[in-house]
Structure formats: structure tokens, C-alpha cells
Amino acid sequence: MSMGNSVAKTGAKADSGRAPYVRRTETAAEGERAMAEQEMKAANETYSGFLSLLKVGSIITAIVTVFVVLLIAS
């Protein structure tokens, strides 16, 4: 009796140690392309957030600078 066909007392077959066969429906190139698109989407979202923070930070800095200059001038 081989290890792959042995049956334990519980009736369960012994694990052969191999992963179950999964049929691949896409080629490696399609998978890489999908992954690259996801990475670009994440990068664009990060860059967009950075630009928004930069704009808001610049406006706040300009307002504070004007306020400080007016305080010093008075």
C-alpha cells in the first residue's frame, strides 16, 4: 500500500504533501500586466494624496508667513 492511498482509522486519506491542482486561466504575461496596473493605480493614488497635502501645506504656510510679517511690522 502506498502512502498516497493509505487510509487512517478515521477513514481520511493520508496527505500526499502536494498542493491541489489549480487550473490557470491566464498566462503569466496577463498576470504581470494586471499586477503592474494595480501597482500603478496605488502609485497614482499615493502621488495624488501627496500633491493634495503639498497644496494645503503651501497655503497654510503662506497664511502663517503673512500673519508673522504683519505681526513683526506692527
Foldseek 3Di string as FASTA:
>chain_A
DDQQADADPVRDRHDPPDDDDDDDPDDPVVVVVVVVVVVVVVVVVVVVVVVVVVVVVVVVVVVVVVVVVVVVVD
